[in-house]
């Protein structure tokens, strides 16, 4: 039988100490123990010392508490993302959580839907939670005063994930999406394609548009411009009806794809800048209202950014631009921890991508180019 006190080791298994156990041992109320351990509110030095001694005796998160009390930190990190349902962000967040946990940090994740006001609200909420730092996916490349220390922005370190903001002296971790799009178009051209469409996801438009929106984020702009350079290098004059900026939601992506694929002549290949754009293309290609059935990998070649699990088991498996998604999240967290510890310097890290060749890009023979 275990006759030991709560949190102590007796003859039986260890019972994990609770806040009430610490309060009883220190002979204070539970509320007073919470204030002393959280380092907030009115608590005398003697009472705080007594509560900390009780917590240490009961092994009540002793290491974390000692570190937090010495440094004045909460050991929490805020993460502000554009779309938590997107596989890219979910994988990046997992890397952030894993990396933070190795340094005893917890993560608070807020989703903005790529909306600027929601982003500002998220920053405010995280500051109220007294986070020690933030990883932020910014929704604008022209409105960022809420991220700048000198403009009265957050008083904690910030690292940008997946997006770079020119003129903002905050470390960022991105991939070379300009080069990735250019390489994808080059691959289409090498396979004989001349009629090439580009579908770029952005929250800066309502529905879909052929015109570049004013406040498009760096990532989306780099992907479109990289594709355009790839076309120019091949001597291809872009058909603007096949260049679409679309909101990321499925219905908008599908409407944009429908407009492109109902055009005559239609493109034989499309570069989709995320999985929603790709799903929109696939949905339209299978649409029975079209006058012709478009089979992916036969009548319509397709490349998409990122490598979500479903694309390798799709029929046919889809060619993708694979980005080091986990590495992006891990590096962002490493840079942030370095800044929190006073060891960081400004960095604009850009990681490389690779094309993973599968079966969704058809190689056209010279005699087939006009027919397709």
Protein backbone atom coordinates (compact mmCIF):
# COMPACT_ATOMS: atom_id res chain seq x y z
CA UNK A 1 0.00 0.00 0.00
CA UNK A 2 1.29 3.51 -0.82
CA UNK A 3 1.26 5.74 2.26
CA UNK A 4 3.35 8.51 0.68
CA UNK A 5 2.18 12.02 0.16
CA UNK A 6 0.72 13.01 -3.21
CA UNK A 7 3.47 13.36 -5.77
CA UNK A 8 5.96 11.35 -3.66
CA UNK A 9 7.14 7.81 -4.35
CA UNK A 10 5.89 5.23 -1.90
CA UNK A 11 5.60 1.47 -2.25
CA UNK A 12 3.10 1.93 -5.05
CA UNK A 13 3.15 3.89 -8.30
CA UNK A 14 3.88 7.61 -8.37
CA UNK A 15 0.79 9.79 -8.26
CA UNK A 16 1.21 12.93 -10.32
CA UNK A 17 0.94 16.04 -8.17
CA UNK A 18 -1.86 18.49 -8.81
CA UNK A 19 -2.15 22.19 -8.11
CA UNK A 20 -4.36 21.47 -5.09
CA UNK A 21 -1.60 19.21 -3.69
CA UNK A 22 0.89 22.05 -3.94
CA UNK A 23 -1.57 24.44 -2.29
CA UNK A 24 -2.22 22.05 0.61
CA UNK A 25 1.46 21.43 1.19
CA UNK A 26 2.18 25.17 1.19
CA UNK A 27 -0.89 25.81 3.36
CA UNK A 28 -2.35 28.35 0.93
CA UNK A 29 -5.45 28.51 -1.24
CA UNK A 30 -5.45 27.02 -4.71
CA UNK A 31 -5.82 30.52 -6.22
CA UNK A 32 -2.80 31.77 -4.30
CA UNK A 33 -0.74 28.77 -5.44
CA UNK A 34 -1.73 29.44 -9.05
CA UNK A 35 -0.71 33.11 -8.78
CA UNK A 36 2.61 32.20 -7.20
CA UNK A 37 3.41 29.55 -9.81
CA UNK A 38 2.23 31.72 -12.70
CA UNK A 39 4.11 34.77 -11.40
CA UNK A 40 1.10 37.08 -11.61
CA UNK A 41 -1.16 38.90 -9.20
CA UNK A 42 -0.39 39.94 -5.62
CA UNK A 43 1.64 37.34 -3.76
CA UNK A 44 4.22 38.08 -1.06
CA UNK A 45 7.81 36.94 -1.52
CA UNK A 46 7.49 34.61 1.45
CA UNK A 47 4.32 32.98 0.09
CA UNK A 48 5.80 32.61 -3.39
CA UNK A 49 8.91 30.97 -1.95
CA UNK A 50 6.77 28.61 0.11
CA UNK A 51 4.66 27.61 -2.91
CA UNK A 52 7.73 27.05 -5.12
CA UNK A 53 9.30 24.91 -2.41
CA UNK A 54 6.12 22.81 -2.20
CA UNK A 55 6.00 22.44 -6.00
CA UNK A 56 9.61 21.30 -6.08
CA UNK A 57 9.09 18.82 -3.24
CA UNK A 58 6.11 17.32 -5.08
CA UNK A 59 7.89 17.37 -8.47
CA UNK A 60 5.12 19.59 -9.82
CA UNK A 61 6.66 20.53 -13.19
CA UNK A 62 9.75 21.52 -11.27
CA UNK A 63 12.10 22.09 -14.19
CA UNK A 64 9.66 24.15 -16.23
CA UNK A 65 8.62 26.21 -13.26
CA UNK A 66 12.17 26.96 -12.21
CA UNK A 67 13.12 28.00 -15.71
CA UNK A 68 9.98 30.09 -16.16
CA UNK A 69 10.41 31.88 -12.85
CA UNK A 70 14.08 32.67 -13.51
CA UNK A 71 13.53 33.97 -17.04
CA UNK A 72 10.12 35.59 -16.67
CA UNK A 73 8.89 33.57 -19.67
CA UNK A 74 5.65 31.69 -20.18
CA UNK A 75 7.27 28.96 -22.29
CA UNK A 76 4.57 29.36 -24.93
CA UNK A 77 4.90 30.19 -28.63
CA UNK A 78 2.14 31.62 -30.82
CA UNK A 79 1.69 30.35 -34.37
CA UNK A 80 -0.48 32.36 -36.79
CA UNK A 81 -1.27 30.48 -40.00
CA UNK A 82 -3.34 31.22 -43.09
CA UNK A 83 -5.17 27.90 -43.48
CA UNK A 84 -4.76 25.17 -40.90
CA UNK A 85 -6.68 22.71 -43.10
CA UNK A 86 -4.04 22.92 -45.84
CA UNK A 87 -1.63 19.98 -45.68
CA UNK A 88 1.38 22.28 -46.06
CA UNK A 89 0.52 24.21 -42.91
CA UNK A 90 -0.50 21.14 -40.91
CA UNK A 91 2.87 19.52 -41.59
CA UNK A 92 4.75 22.75 -40.83
CA UNK A 93 2.86 23.13 -37.57
CA UNK A 94 3.78 19.58 -36.61
CA UNK A 95 7.46 20.45 -37.13
CA UNK A 96 7.05 23.62 -35.06
CA UNK A 97 5.43 21.65 -32.22
CA UNK A 98 8.11 18.95 -32.28
CA UNK A 99 10.95 21.49 -32.28
CA UNK A 100 9.37 23.61 -29.58
CA UNK A 101 8.76 20.59 -27.36
CA UNK A 102 12.46 19.77 -27.35
CA UNK A 103 12.99 23.09 -25.56
CA UNK A 104 9.97 22.64 -23.25
CA UNK A 105 7.77 25.13 -25.13
CA UNK A 106 4.06 24.75 -25.79
CA UNK A 107 2.31 26.01 -28.93
CA UNK A 108 -0.84 28.09 -29.39
CA UNK A 109 -2.13 27.99 -32.99
CA UNK A 110 -4.51 30.55 -34.47
CA UNK A 111 -5.98 30.43 -37.98
CA UNK A 112 -6.62 33.62 -39.98
CA UNK A 113 -8.06 32.42 -43.28
CA UNK A 114 -5.49 34.77 -44.86
CA UNK A 115 -7.52 37.75 -43.59
CA UNK A 116 -5.56 40.79 -42.44
CA UNK A 117 -7.95 41.82 -39.66
CA UNK A 118 -8.08 38.26 -38.36
CA UNK A 119 -4.27 38.28 -38.36
CA UNK A 120 -4.17 41.50 -36.34
CA UNK A 121 -6.66 40.04 -33.86
CA UNK A 122 -4.58 36.87 -33.57
CA UNK A 123 -1.44 38.88 -32.80
CA UNK A 124 -3.32 40.83 -30.14
CA UNK A 125 -4.70 37.67 -28.51
CA UNK A 126 -1.28 36.02 -28.41
CA UNK A 127 0.28 39.09 -26.83
CA UNK A 128 -2.45 39.01 -24.20
CA UNK A 129 -1.48 35.38 -23.56
CA UNK A 130 2.09 36.64 -22.99
CA UNK A 131 3.70 34.32 -25.52
CA UNK A 132 7.49 34.43 -25.70
CA UNK A 133 7.56 34.63 -29.51
CA UNK A 134 5.54 34.03 -32.67
CA UNK A 135 5.75 32.27 -36.01
CA UNK A 136 3.51 34.18 -38.42
CA UNK A 137 2.27 33.55 -41.97
CA UNK A 138 1.58 37.16 -43.03
CA UNK A 139 -1.49 37.85 -45.14
CA UNK A 140 -0.25 41.09 -46.70
CA UNK A 141 2.98 42.40 -48.19
CA UNK A 142 2.02 46.06 -47.79
CA UNK A 143 0.20 46.21 -44.43
CA UNK A 144 2.51 44.98 -41.70
CA UNK A 145 2.85 47.74 -39.07
CA UNK A 146 1.31 45.36 -36.51
CA UNK A 147 4.42 43.19 -36.91
CA UNK A 148 7.01 45.96 -36.47
CA UNK A 149 8.59 46.71 -33.12
CA UNK A 150 9.42 50.31 -34.03
CA UNK A 151 5.79 50.99 -35.00
CA UNK A 152 4.36 49.84 -31.70
CA UNK A 153 3.92 46.25 -32.82
CA UNK A 154 4.65 43.10 -30.80
CA UNK A 155 7.34 43.27 -28.12
CA UNK A 156 8.33 39.64 -28.73
CA UNK A 157 10.47 38.04 -31.46
CA UNK A 158 8.70 37.00 -34.69
CA UNK A 159 9.74 34.74 -37.57
CA UNK A 160 7.77 34.67 -40.83
CA UNK A 161 6.88 31.29 -42.33
CA UNK A 162 6.41 30.61 -46.06
CA UNK A 163 6.26 34.30 -46.94
CA UNK A 164 8.78 37.10 -47.27
CA UNK A 165 7.83 40.75 -46.82
CA UNK A 166 10.15 43.24 -48.48
CA UNK A 167 11.02 46.13 -46.19
CA UNK A 168 10.18 44.22 -43.03
CA UNK A 169 13.30 43.44 -40.99
CA UNK A 170 12.00 40.17 -39.58
CA UNK A 171 13.57 36.78 -40.20
CA UNK A 172 11.73 34.55 -42.66
CA UNK A 173 11.84 30.97 -43.90
CA UNK A 174 10.61 30.32 -47.45
CA UNK A 175 11.29 28.18 -50.49
CA UNK A 176 12.48 29.36 -53.90
CA UNK A 177 9.02 29.30 -55.47
CA UNK A 178 10.04 31.48 -58.42
CA UNK A 179 12.64 28.91 -59.51
CA UNK A 180 10.21 26.07 -58.80
CA UNK A 181 7.51 27.47 -61.10
CA UNK A 182 10.02 28.23 -63.84
CA UNK A 183 11.37 24.67 -63.63
CA UNK A 184 7.84 23.21 -63.82
CA UNK A 185 7.10 25.20 -66.99
CA UNK A 186 10.44 24.13 -68.43
CA UNK A 187 9.43 20.52 -67.80
CA UNK A 188 6.13 21.02 -69.63
CA UNK A 189 8.00 22.57 -72.56
CA UNK A 190 10.54 19.73 -72.62
CA UNK A 191 7.60 17.33 -72.89
CA UNK A 192 6.31 19.15 -75.96
CA UNK A 193 3.66 21.40 -74.40
CA UNK A 194 3.16 24.94 -75.73
CA UNK A 195 -0.34 25.70 -74.44
CA UNK A 196 0.32 26.06 -70.72
CA UNK A 197 -1.97 27.50 -68.05
CA UNK A 198 -1.09 28.79 -64.57
CA UNK A 199 -3.48 28.75 -61.61
CA UNK A 200 -2.29 30.74 -58.61
CA UNK A 201 -4.04 30.63 -55.24
CA UNK A 202 -4.39 33.96 -53.45
CA UNK A 203 -6.76 35.48 -50.92
CA UNK A 204 -6.24 38.92 -52.50
CA UNK A 205 -9.00 38.39 -55.11
CA UNK A 206 -12.73 37.85 -54.95
CA UNK A 207 -13.48 34.72 -56.93
CA UNK A 208 -10.91 34.56 -59.72
CA UNK A 209 -9.23 37.03 -62.06
CA UNK A 210 -6.71 37.29 -64.89
CA UNK A 211 -5.19 40.41 -63.30
CA UNK A 212 -2.61 40.35 -60.53
CA UNK A 213 -4.21 41.72 -57.34
CA UNK A 214 -2.60 44.70 -55.65
CA UNK A 215 -1.75 43.07 -52.34
CA UNK A 216 -0.83 39.57 -53.48
CA UNK A 217 1.56 37.89 -51.04
CA UNK A 218 5.16 37.24 -52.04
CA UNK A 219 4.70 33.47 -52.39
CA UNK A 220 1.84 33.68 -54.88
CA UNK A 221 3.52 36.45 -56.84
CA UNK A 222 6.78 34.48 -57.10
CA UNK A 223 4.95 31.42 -58.42
CA UNK A 224 3.14 33.31 -61.17
CA UNK A 225 6.21 35.32 -62.18
CA UNK A 226 8.39 32.22 -62.23
CA UNK A 227 5.95 30.52 -64.57
CA UNK A 228 5.78 33.58 -66.81
CA UNK A 229 9.58 33.68 -67.07
CA UNK A 230 9.58 30.00 -67.97
CA UNK A 231 7.14 30.69 -70.80
CA UNK A 232 9.18 33.65 -72.04
CA UNK A 233 12.37 31.60 -72.05
CA UNK A 234 10.63 29.07 -74.30
CA UNK A 235 9.47 31.81 -76.66
CA UNK A 236 5.83 31.29 -75.66
CA UNK A 237 3.55 34.30 -75.53
CA UNK A 238 1.24 33.67 -72.57
CA UNK A 239 -2.47 33.40 -73.23
CA UNK A 240 -3.86 35.55 -70.44
CA UNK A 241 -7.17 33.70 -70.33
CA UNK A 242 -5.15 30.71 -69.07
CA UNK A 243 -3.47 32.69 -66.30
CA UNK A 244 -5.73 32.78 -63.26
CA UNK A 245 -5.49 34.19 -59.77
CA UNK A 246 -8.07 32.43 -57.64
CA UNK A 247 -9.14 32.28 -54.03
CA UNK A 248 -8.11 29.02 -52.44
CA UNK A 249 -11.56 27.66 -51.66
CA UNK A 250 -12.62 24.73 -53.83
CA UNK A 251 -15.60 26.44 -55.45
CA UNK A 252 -13.45 29.34 -56.65
CA UNK A 253 -10.67 27.05 -57.85
CA UNK A 254 -13.21 24.98 -59.75
CA UNK A 255 -14.79 28.05 -61.35
CA UNK A 256 -11.36 29.30 -62.45
CA UNK A 257 -10.47 25.90 -63.90
CA UNK A 258 -13.80 25.71 -65.71
CA UNK A 259 -13.13 29.07 -67.39
CA UNK A 260 -9.70 27.94 -68.54
CA UNK A 261 -10.66 24.47 -69.74
CA UNK A 262 -13.77 25.57 -71.62
CA UNK A 263 -11.68 27.93 -73.71
CA UNK A 264 -10.87 26.95 -77.31
CA UNK A 265 -8.21 25.98 -77.82
CA UNK A 266 -7.70 24.88 -74.25
CA UNK A 267 -4.29 24.45 -72.60
CA UNK A 268 -2.71 21.00 -72.66
CA UNK A 269 -0.92 21.55 -69.34
CA UNK A 270 -1.62 23.45 -66.12
CA UNK A 271 0.62 24.36 -63.19
CA UNK A 272 -1.48 24.56 -60.00
CA UNK A 273 0.14 26.39 -57.12
CA UNK A 274 -1.54 24.40 -54.34
CA UNK A 275 -3.72 21.35 -53.83
CA UNK A 276 -7.00 23.30 -53.95
CA UNK A 277 -6.13 24.59 -57.42
CA UNK A 278 -5.23 21.04 -58.50
CA UNK A 279 -8.47 19.61 -57.13
CA UNK A 280 -10.39 22.30 -58.99
CA UNK A 281 -8.69 21.23 -62.25
CA UNK A 282 -9.36 17.55 -61.59
CA UNK A 283 -13.01 18.22 -60.78
CA UNK A 284 -13.55 20.15 -64.01
CA UNK A 285 -11.66 17.56 -66.06
CA UNK A 286 -14.16 14.99 -64.81
CA UNK A 287 -17.16 17.26 -65.37
CA UNK A 288 -19.73 15.50 -67.56
CA UNK A 289 -21.00 18.80 -68.97
CA UNK A 290 -17.77 19.32 -70.90
CA UNK A 291 -18.01 18.40 -74.55
CA UNK A 292 -14.95 16.20 -74.19
CA UNK A 293 -13.77 14.00 -71.36
CA UNK A 294 -10.37 15.25 -70.17
CA UNK A 295 -8.21 12.57 -68.64
CA UNK A 296 -5.40 13.77 -66.36
CA UNK A 297 -2.08 12.59 -67.75
CA UNK A 298 -3.54 12.00 -71.20
CA UNK A 299 -5.60 15.00 -72.34
CA UNK A 300 -4.48 17.38 -69.60
CA UNK A 301 -1.07 17.37 -67.95
CA UNK A 302 -0.88 18.66 -64.39
CA UNK A 303 1.81 19.67 -61.89
CA UNK A 304 1.03 21.03 -58.43
CA UNK A 305 2.95 22.56 -55.57
CA UNK A 306 3.53 20.45 -52.45
CA UNK A 307 3.09 16.74 -52.03
CA UNK A 308 -0.01 15.95 -49.94
CA UNK A 309 -0.52 12.22 -49.27
CA UNK A 310 -3.42 11.75 -51.68
CA UNK A 311 -1.54 12.74 -54.85
CA UNK A 312 0.68 9.66 -54.96
CA UNK A 313 -2.33 7.30 -54.84
CA UNK A 314 -4.45 9.31 -57.27
CA UNK A 315 -4.88 7.74 -60.70
CA UNK A 316 -2.60 8.62 -62.31
CA UNK A 317 -0.16 9.64 -59.56
CA UNK A 318 0.49 13.37 -59.86
CA UNK A 319 3.78 15.09 -60.59
CA UNK A 320 4.52 17.64 -57.86
CA UNK A 321 6.90 20.36 -56.78
CA UNK A 322 7.95 18.99 -53.43
CA UNK A 323 8.91 21.55 -50.82
CA UNK A 324 10.74 20.61 -47.59
CA UNK A 325 7.62 21.34 -45.58
CA UNK A 326 8.73 19.84 -42.28
CA UNK A 327 12.16 21.47 -42.56
CA UNK A 328 10.52 24.87 -43.09
CA UNK A 329 8.60 24.61 -39.83
CA UNK A 330 11.59 23.26 -37.93
CA UNK A 331 13.93 26.00 -39.16
CA UNK A 332 11.38 28.72 -38.40
CA UNK A 333 11.14 27.45 -34.83
CA UNK A 334 14.91 27.16 -34.47
CA UNK A 335 15.39 30.76 -35.62
CA UNK A 336 12.69 31.94 -33.23
CA UNK A 337 14.20 30.09 -30.25
CA UNK A 338 17.57 31.61 -31.05
CA UNK A 339 16.03 35.09 -31.04
CA UNK A 340 14.19 34.42 -27.77
CA UNK A 341 17.49 33.38 -26.21
CA UNK A 342 19.22 36.50 -27.52
CA UNK A 343 21.37 34.50 -29.94
CA UNK A 344 19.61 35.15 -33.23
CA UNK A 345 20.44 37.41 -36.12
CA UNK A 346 18.27 38.48 -39.04
CA UNK A 347 17.97 35.77 -41.71
CA UNK A 348 15.96 35.41 -44.90
CA UNK A 349 16.37 31.66 -45.35
CA UNK A 350 15.27 30.19 -48.68
CA UNK A 351 15.19 26.42 -49.11
CA UNK A 352 15.30 24.51 -52.39
CA UNK A 353 12.51 22.47 -53.95
CA UNK A 354 12.46 19.46 -56.26
CA UNK A 355 10.14 18.12 -58.95
CA UNK A 356 8.90 14.62 -58.21
CA UNK A 357 8.08 13.04 -61.56
CA UNK A 358 5.07 10.75 -61.63
CA UNK A 359 2.49 10.12 -64.35
CA UNK A 360 0.39 13.27 -64.74
CA UNK A 361 2.57 14.89 -67.43
CA UNK A 362 2.24 13.46 -70.94
CA UNK A 363 5.15 13.69 -73.35
CA UNK A 364 3.74 14.90 -76.65
CA UNK A 365 5.26 13.72 -79.90
CA UNK A 366 5.70 16.36 -82.60
CA UNK A 367 2.65 15.06 -84.46
CA UNK A 368 0.52 15.29 -81.33
CA UNK A 369 1.23 18.89 -80.34
CA UNK A 370 -1.39 20.48 -82.62
CA UNK A 371 -3.96 17.76 -81.88
CA UNK A 372 -3.70 18.38 -78.16
